[in-house]
C-alpha atoms as a PDB file:
ATOM      1  CA  MET A   1      -0.010   0.074   0.109  1.00  0.00           C
ATOM      2  CA  ALA A   2       1.572   3.322  -1.066  1.00  0.00           C
ATOM      3  CA  PRO A   3       1.683   5.972   1.599  1.00  0.00           C
ATOM      4  CA  VAL A   4      -0.978   8.560   1.213  1.00  0.00           C
ATOM      5  CA  LEU A   5      -1.111  10.817   4.248  1.00  0.00           C
ATOM      6  CA  VAL A   6       2.311  10.693   6.178  1.00  0.00           C
ATOM      7  CA  LYS A   7       3.631   7.134   6.184  1.00  0.00           C
ATOM      8  CA  GLY A   8       2.536   3.873   4.881  1.00  0.00           C
ATOM      9  CA  ALA A   9       2.738   0.351   6.051  1.00  0.00           C
ATOM     10  CA  GLY A  10       2.358  -2.877   4.052  1.00  0.00           C
ATOM     11  CA  ALA A  11      -0.416  -5.471   4.122  1.00  0.00           C
ATOM     12  CA  ILE A  12      -3.766  -3.855   4.897  1.00  0.00           C
ATOM     13  CA  ARG A  13      -2.624  -1.372   7.376  1.00  0.00           C
ATOM     14  CA  MET A  14      -1.967   2.263   7.462  1.00  0.00           C
ATOM     15  CA  LEU A  15       0.456   4.148   9.649  1.00  0.00           C
ATOM     16  CA  VAL A  16      -0.122   7.805  10.107  1.00  0.00           C
ATOM     17  CA  VAL A  17       1.950  10.003  12.279  1.00  0.00           C
ATOM     18  CA  CYS A  18       0.287  13.180  13.736  1.00  0.00           C
ATOM     19  CA  PRO A  19       2.980  15.287  15.433  1.00  0.00           C
ATOM     20  CA  MET A  20       1.749  17.555  18.296  1.00  0.00           C
ATOM     21  CA  ARG A  21       1.087  21.171  17.349  1.00  0.00           C
ATOM     22  CA  PRO A  22      -0.173  23.941  19.467  1.00  0.00           C
ATOM     23  CA  SER A  23      -3.965  23.920  19.293  1.00  0.00           C
ATOM     24  CA  THR A  24      -6.302  26.881  18.712  1.00  0.00           C
ATOM     25  CA  PRO A  25      -9.851  26.165  19.693  1.00  0.00           C
ATOM     26  CA  GLN A  26     -12.260  26.809  16.844  1.00  0.00           C
ATOM     27  CA  LYS A  27     -16.125  26.567  16.748  1.00  0.00           C
ATOM     28  CA  PRO A  28     -17.237  24.127  14.176  1.00  0.00           C
ATOM     29  CA  ARG A  29     -19.266  25.727  11.415  1.00  0.00           C
ATOM     30  CA  ARG A  30     -21.966  22.982  11.711  1.00  0.00           C
ATOM     31  CA  PRO A  31     -22.104  19.902  13.845  1.00  0.00           C
ATOM     32  CA  GLY A  32     -20.178  16.829  12.707  1.00  0.00           C
ATOM     33  CA  GLY A  33     -18.343  18.383   9.747  1.00  0.00           C
ATOM     34  CA  GLY A  34     -20.329  16.209   7.301  1.00  0.00           C
ATOM     35  CA  GLY A  35     -19.172  14.979   3.833  1.00  0.00           C
ATOM     36  CA  GLY A  36     -19.996  12.320   1.504  1.00  0.00           C
ATOM     37  CA  GLY A  37     -18.901  10.524  -1.526  1.00  0.00           C
ATOM     38  CA  GLY A  38     -19.950   8.092  -4.235  1.00  0.00           C
ATOM     39  CA  GLY A  39     -18.522   4.896  -5.421  1.00  0.00           C
ATOM     40  CA  GLY A  40     -17.472   3.522  -2.025  1.00  0.00           C
ATOM     41  CA  ARG A  41     -13.895   2.097  -2.122  1.00  0.00           C
ATOM     42  CA  ASP A  42     -13.544   3.041  -5.796  1.00  0.00           C
ATOM     43  CA  GLY A  43     -14.955   6.516  -5.711  1.00  0.00           C
ATOM     44  CA  HIS A  44     -14.486   9.944  -4.384  1.00  0.00           C
ATOM     45  CA  VAL A  45     -14.840  11.623  -0.894  1.00  0.00           C
ATOM     46  CA  ARG A  46     -15.279  15.388  -0.174  1.00  0.00           C
ATOM     47  CA  SER A  47     -15.813  17.127   3.143  1.00  0.00           C
ATOM     48  CA  SER A  48     -18.639  19.750   3.311  1.00  0.00           C
ATOM     49  CA  ASP A  49     -15.968  22.510   3.688  1.00  0.00           C
ATOM     50  CA  GLY A  50     -13.962  21.137   0.679  1.00  0.00           C
ATOM     51  CA  ARG A  51     -10.771  20.638   2.623  1.00  0.00           C
ATOM     52  CA  ILE A  52     -10.884  16.928   2.138  1.00  0.00           C
ATOM     53  CA  ASP A  53     -11.312  16.110  -1.575  1.00  0.00           C
ATOM     54  CA  LEU A  54      -9.909  12.691  -2.367  1.00  0.00           C
ATOM     55  CA  ASP A  55     -10.033   9.775  -4.685  1.00  0.00           C
ATOM     56  CA  ALA A  56     -10.920   6.659  -2.799  1.00  0.00           C
ATOM     57  CA  ARG A  57      -9.402   3.407  -4.120  1.00  0.00           C
ATOM     58  CA  ILE A  58      -9.252  -0.127  -3.176  1.00  0.00           C
ATOM     59  CA  PRO A  59      -5.791  -0.919  -1.655  1.00  0.00           C
ATOM     60  CA  LYS A  60      -3.289  -3.084  -3.646  1.00  0.00           C
ATOM     61  CA  ALA A  61      -3.312  -5.515  -0.816  1.00  0.00           C
ATOM     62  CA  MET A  62      -7.195  -5.997  -1.361  1.00  0.00           C
ATOM     63  CA  GLY A  63      -6.745  -6.384  -5.227  1.00  0.00           C
ATOM     64  CA  GLY A  64      -7.151  -2.689  -6.162  1.00  0.00           C
ATOM     65  CA  ASN A  65      -4.798  -0.253  -7.927  1.00  0.00           C
ATOM     66  CA  GLY A  66      -4.086   1.471  -4.577  1.00  0.00           C
ATOM     67  CA  GLU A  67      -3.955   5.013  -6.316  1.00  0.00           C
ATOM     68  CA  GLY A  68      -6.075   6.772  -3.827  1.00  0.00           C
ATOM     69  CA  THR A  69      -6.838   6.893  -0.111  1.00  0.00           C
ATOM     70  CA  ASN A  70      -9.073   4.373   1.570  1.00  0.00           C
ATOM     71  CA  PRO A  71     -11.395   4.425   4.676  1.00  0.00           C
ATOM     72  CA  GLU A  72      -8.779   2.810   6.963  1.00  0.00           C
ATOM     73  CA  GLN A  73      -6.361   5.456   6.185  1.00  0.00           C
ATOM     74  CA  LEU A  74      -8.829   8.197   6.905  1.00  0.00           C
ATOM     75  CA  PHE A  75      -9.853   6.501  10.040  1.00  0.00           C
ATOM     76  CA  ALA A  76      -6.284   6.248  11.239  1.00  0.00           C
ATOM     77  CA  ALA A  77      -5.715   9.912  10.460  1.00  0.00           C
ATOM     78  CA  GLY A  78      -8.901  10.968  12.317  1.00  0.00           C
ATOM     79  CA  TYR A  79      -8.104   8.599  15.360  1.00  0.00           C
ATOM     80  CA  SER A  80      -4.431   9.822  15.801  1.00  0.00           C
ATOM     81  CA  ALA A  81      -5.355  13.478  15.507  1.00  0.00           C
ATOM     82  CA  CYS A  82      -8.288  13.030  18.007  1.00  0.00           C
ATOM     83  CA  PHE A  83      -6.268  10.957  20.362  1.00  0.00           C
ATOM     84  CA  LEU A  84      -3.486  13.549  20.254  1.00  0.00           C
ATOM     85  CA  SER A  85      -5.969  16.245  21.205  1.00  0.00           C
ATOM     86  CA  ALA A  86      -7.214  14.150  24.169  1.00  0.00           C
ATOM     87  CA  LEU A  87      -3.565  13.516  25.255  1.00  0.00           C
ATOM     88  CA  ASN A  88      -2.957  17.202  25.141  1.00  0.00           C
ATOM     89  CA  LEU A  89      -6.066  17.740  27.292  1.00  0.00           C
ATOM     90  CA  VAL A  90      -5.126  15.260  30.052  1.00  0.00           C
ATOM     91  CA  ALA A  91      -1.613  16.447  30.199  1.00  0.00           C
ATOM     92  CA  ARG A  92      -2.684  19.994  30.535  1.00  0.00           C
ATOM     93  CA  ILE A  93      -5.174  18.928  33.398  1.00  0.00           C
ATOM     94  CA  ALA A  94      -2.260  16.824  35.109  1.00  0.00           C
ATOM     95  CA  LYS A  95       0.137  19.855  34.655  1.00  0.00           C
ATOM     96  CA  VAL A  96       2.533  17.745  32.680  1.00  0.00           C
ATOM     97  CA  GLN A  97       4.530  19.432  30.027  1.00  0.00           C
ATOM     98  CA  LEU A  98       4.647  17.380  26.717  1.00  0.00           C
ATOM     99  CA  ASP A  99       7.712  17.535  24.524  1.00  0.00           C
ATOM    100  CA  PRO A 100       7.080  19.198  21.142  1.00  0.00           C
ATOM    101  CA  ALA A 101       8.116  15.845  19.479  1.00  0.00           C
ATOM    102  CA  THR A 102       5.274  13.987  21.200  1.00  0.00           C
ATOM    103  CA  SER A 103       3.197  12.138  18.585  1.00  0.00           C
ATOM    104  CA  ILE A 104       0.391   9.542  18.198  1.00  0.00           C
ATOM    105  CA  THR A 105       0.843   6.898  15.419  1.00  0.00           C
ATOM    106  CA  ALA A 106      -2.270   5.050  14.581  1.00  0.00           C
ATOM    107  CA  LYS A 107      -2.372   1.698  12.740  1.00  0.00           C
ATOM    108  CA  VAL A 108      -5.683   0.594  11.516  1.00  0.00           C
ATOM    109  CA  GLY A 109      -6.082  -3.005  10.332  1.00  0.00           C
ATOM    110  CA  ILE A 110      -9.008  -4.629   8.371  1.00  0.00           C
ATOM    111  CA  SER A 111      -9.778  -8.430   8.392  1.00  0.00           C
ATOM    112  CA  LYS A 112     -12.431 -10.784   7.360  1.00  0.00           C
ATOM    113  CA  THR A 113     -14.836 -12.173   9.919  1.00  0.00           C
ATOM    114  CA  PRO A 114     -16.002 -15.919   9.832  1.00  0.00           C
ATOM    115  CA  GLU A 115     -19.395 -14.591   8.911  1.00  0.00           C
ATOM    116  CA  GLY A 116     -17.926 -13.072   5.775  1.00  0.00           C
ATOM    117  CA  GLY A 117     -17.942  -9.322   6.857  1.00  0.00           C
ATOM    118  CA  PHE A 118     -15.004  -7.324   7.938  1.00  0.00           C
ATOM    119  CA  ASP A 119     -13.596  -5.940  11.245  1.00  0.00           C
ATOM    120  CA  LEU A 120     -11.343  -3.179  11.933  1.00  0.00           C
ATOM    121  CA  SER A 121      -8.581  -3.088  14.673  1.00  0.00           C
ATOM    122  CA  ALA A 122      -6.517  -0.186  15.848  1.00  0.00           C
ATOM    123  CA  GLU A 123      -3.097   0.127  17.520  1.00  0.00           C
ATOM    124  CA  LEU A 124      -2.146   3.463  19.168  1.00  0.00           C
ATOM    125  CA  ASP A 125       1.551   4.113  19.731  1.00  0.00           C
ATOM    126  CA  GLY A 126       2.225   7.312  21.811  1.00  0.00           C
ATOM    127  CA  TYR A 127       5.780   8.657  21.729  1.00  0.00           C
ATOM    128  CA  LEU A 128       6.127  10.760  24.806  1.00  0.00           C
ATOM    129  CA  PRO A 129       9.755  11.759  25.040  1.00  0.00           C
ATOM    130  CA  GLY A 130      11.285  13.083  28.277  1.00  0.00           C
ATOM    131  CA  LEU A 131       8.539  11.441  30.519  1.00  0.00           C
ATOM    132  CA  SER A 132       8.930   8.332  32.753  1.00  0.00           C
ATOM    133  CA  GLN A 133       7.243   5.173  31.387  1.00  0.00           C
ATOM    134  CA  GLU A 134       4.812   5.315  34.253  1.00  0.00           C
ATOM    135  CA  VAL A 135       3.717   8.826  33.651  1.00  0.00           C
ATOM    136  CA  ALA A 136       3.528   8.183  29.828  1.00  0.00           C
ATOM    137  CA  ASP A 137       1.438   4.995  30.328  1.00  0.00           C
ATOM    138  CA  ASP A 138      -0.922   6.963  32.773  1.00  0.00           C
ATOM    139  CA  LEU A 139      -1.451   9.785  30.292  1.00  0.00           C
ATOM    140  CA  LEU A 140      -2.225   7.521  27.466  1.00  0.00           C
ATOM    141  CA  GLU A 141      -4.744   5.607  29.523  1.00  0.00           C
ATOM    142  CA  GLN A 142      -6.463   8.828  30.649  1.00  0.00           C
ATOM    143  CA  ALA A 143      -6.517  10.073  26.972  1.00  0.00           C
ATOM    144  CA  HIS A 144      -8.078   6.717  25.834  1.00  0.00           C
ATOM    145  CA  GLU A 145     -10.810   7.314  28.488  1.00  0.00           C
ATOM    146  CA  VAL A 146     -11.614  10.892  27.029  1.00  0.00           C
ATOM    147  CA  CYS A 147     -10.952  10.519  23.285  1.00  0.00           C
ATOM    148  CA  PRO A 148     -14.235  10.591  21.242  1.00  0.00           C
ATOM    149  CA  TYR A 149     -12.805   7.916  18.866  1.00  0.00           C
ATOM    150  CA  SER A 150     -11.932   5.635  21.801  1.00  0.00           C
ATOM    151  CA  ASN A 151     -15.329   6.091  23.229  1.00  0.00           C
ATOM    152  CA  ALA A 152     -16.920   5.312  19.887  1.00  0.00           C
ATOM    153  CA  THR A 153     -14.821   2.181  19.251  1.00  0.00           C
ATOM    154  CA  ARG A 154     -14.693   0.830  22.873  1.00  0.00           C
ATOM    155  CA  GLY A 155     -16.382  -2.624  22.770  1.00  0.00           C
ATOM    156  CA  ASN A 156     -16.746  -2.562  19.074  1.00  0.00           C
ATOM    157  CA  ILE A 157     -13.206  -3.088  17.684  1.00  0.00           C
ATOM    158  CA  GLU A 158      -9.947  -4.179  19.341  1.00  0.00           C
ATOM    159  CA  VAL A 159      -7.814  -1.145  20.268  1.00  0.00           C
ATOM    160  CA  THR A 160      -4.442  -1.345  21.833  1.00  0.00           C
ATOM    161  CA  VAL A 161      -2.600   1.706  23.344  1.00  0.00           C
ATOM    162  CA  LYS A 162       1.098   1.711  24.284  1.00  0.00           C
ATOM    163  CA  ALA A 163       3.568   4.414  25.171  1.00  0.00           C
ATOM    164  CA  ARG A 164       7.148   4.743  24.156  1.00  0.00           C
ATOM    165  CA  VAL A 165       9.442   7.315  25.933  1.00  0.00           C
END
């Protein structure tokens, strides 16, 4: 699978690295952001504000040409960005200063179920330099409790979270 967003990984997995940046709170223009597309995995997606405007293609690992993005890549990008925001929040509340190199890497996998459908899985790897392993583990655990993506996926898909210092 060719890298589309930041970094790519083989098989049916996408690796997205979302480095920490100072955040500026903004009001959403409308709830949910919205967006849509046609053609499914072989179509086009566009957000309501036009900032996302991408061709969607079946990954090479699934028999497609891989010349566009796919739902797993978009999910990994959204999850890593959202989780990083949650990490910033819990660190601020705990009065822990995060290094500017702090990042969250999301790996999203897709696999067939015995019933013929598909399941997702996610691995979140937090890089928190300058902290002890204990503090890093605790912050990621807290972020996992408040992150909207984590709350939406809890009990629905396998999600693992680990910290590196």
